[in-house]
Amino acid sequence: MGSPSLKERQMLQHLRPALVMLALFTVLTGVIYPFALTGFAAIALPGAANGSLIKKGRRHHRLEPHRADFHQGRLFPQPPVGDQRSRPE
């Protein structure tokens, strides 16, 4: 177990930059990009960025639970036009 051979040194010369780039792009695409996109959405579209929550009554209290998200389980008040059906029978 002496000093590394020429092949081992060459392998380390290629492996080290690859691992650095893997770590860099993992942080860039997994942390920085999502936070930047979320921050931009909160500034540019403040109403849409936080979702469409249905609240109980007109007042909003911090401790009062939300009823639901507006876009989940929306009711369709009128039947579909023609033979189209929303669910098979």
Protein backbone atom coordinates (compact mmCIF):
# COMPACT_ATOMS: atom_id res chain seq x y z
CA MET A 1 0.00 0.00 0.00
CA GLY A 2 2.41 2.60 -1.19
CA SER A 3 1.74 5.62 -3.29
CA PRO A 4 -1.09 5.41 -5.84
CA SER A 5 -0.17 4.14 -9.27
CA LEU A 6 -0.40 6.22 -12.43
CA LYS A 7 -3.82 4.74 -13.34
CA GLU A 8 -5.21 5.48 -9.87
CA ARG A 9 -4.00 9.09 -10.06
CA GLN A 10 -5.54 9.51 -13.51
CA MET A 11 -8.80 8.05 -12.25
CA LEU A 12 -8.83 10.48 -9.31
CA GLN A 13 -8.11 13.38 -11.67
CA HIS A 14 -11.29 12.50 -13.59
CA LEU A 15 -13.40 11.48 -10.61
CA ARG A 16 -12.87 14.59 -8.49
CA PRO A 17 -14.27 17.12 -11.06
CA ALA A 18 -17.19 14.79 -11.78
CA LEU A 19 -18.14 14.61 -8.10
CA VAL A 20 -17.76 18.38 -7.70
CA MET A 21 -20.06 18.98 -10.69
CA LEU A 22 -22.57 16.45 -9.34
CA ALA A 23 -22.69 18.26 -5.99
CA LEU A 24 -22.87 21.68 -7.69
CA PHE A 25 -25.77 20.77 -9.99
CA THR A 26 -27.58 18.93 -7.19
CA VAL A 27 -27.55 22.08 -5.07
CA LEU A 28 -28.33 24.32 -8.05
CA THR A 29 -31.29 22.35 -9.41
CA GLY A 30 -32.53 20.89 -6.14
CA VAL A 31 -32.29 23.91 -3.82
CA ILE A 32 -31.49 27.23 -5.48
CA TYR A 33 -33.76 26.92 -8.55
CA PRO A 34 -36.92 25.85 -6.62
CA PHE A 35 -36.45 28.64 -4.06
CA ALA A 36 -35.84 31.22 -6.80
CA LEU A 37 -38.93 30.09 -8.73
CA THR A 38 -41.09 30.09 -5.59
CA GLY A 39 -39.85 33.56 -4.65
CA PHE A 40 -40.55 34.88 -8.14
CA ALA A 41 -44.06 33.40 -8.10
CA ALA A 42 -44.78 34.92 -4.69
CA ILE A 43 -43.77 38.37 -5.96
CA ALA A 44 -45.23 38.22 -9.48
CA LEU A 45 -48.44 36.27 -8.71
CA PRO A 46 -49.16 36.64 -4.98
CA GLY A 47 -52.72 35.31 -5.17
CA ALA A 48 -51.91 32.25 -7.23
CA ALA A 49 -48.64 31.37 -5.51
CA ASN A 50 -50.31 30.54 -2.20
CA GLY A 51 -53.17 28.51 -3.66
CA SER A 52 -56.91 29.09 -3.54
CA LEU A 53 -58.02 28.19 -0.03
CA ILE A 54 -61.68 28.18 0.93
CA LYS A 55 -62.16 29.80 4.31
CA LYS A 56 -65.06 29.57 6.74
CA GLY A 57 -66.94 32.86 6.52
CA ARG A 58 -65.50 36.17 5.36
CA ARG A 59 -63.03 36.72 8.17
CA HIS A 60 -59.72 34.96 8.16
CA HIS A 61 -58.25 33.99 11.47
CA ARG A 62 -54.79 32.50 11.73
CA LEU A 63 -55.92 29.59 13.91
CA GLU A 64 -59.11 28.88 11.98
CA PRO A 65 -58.76 25.82 9.73
CA HIS A 66 -59.33 26.10 6.01
CA ARG A 67 -62.25 24.22 4.51
CA ALA A 68 -60.49 22.97 1.39
CA ASP A 69 -58.45 23.91 -1.59
CA PHE A 70 -60.68 25.46 -4.26
CA HIS A 71 -59.24 23.32 -7.06
CA GLN A 72 -59.63 19.99 -5.27
CA GLY A 73 -62.96 18.27 -5.63
CA ARG A 74 -64.70 21.08 -7.46
CA LEU A 75 -68.38 20.48 -8.13
CA PHE A 76 -69.77 20.72 -11.65
CA PRO A 77 -73.22 22.34 -11.30
CA GLN A 78 -74.42 21.55 -14.83
CA PRO A 79 -74.28 18.15 -16.53
CA PRO A 80 -71.95 17.83 -19.52
CA VAL A 81 -73.30 18.68 -22.95
CA GLY A 82 -74.40 15.81 -25.19
CA ASP A 83 -73.31 12.25 -24.53
CA GLN A 84 -70.18 13.24 -22.67
CA ARG A 85 -70.12 12.04 -19.08
CA SER A 86 -67.79 13.00 -16.29
CA ARG A 87 -67.73 9.42 -14.93
CA PRO A 88 -68.58 6.06 -16.45
CA GLU A 89 -71.68 4.41 -15.03
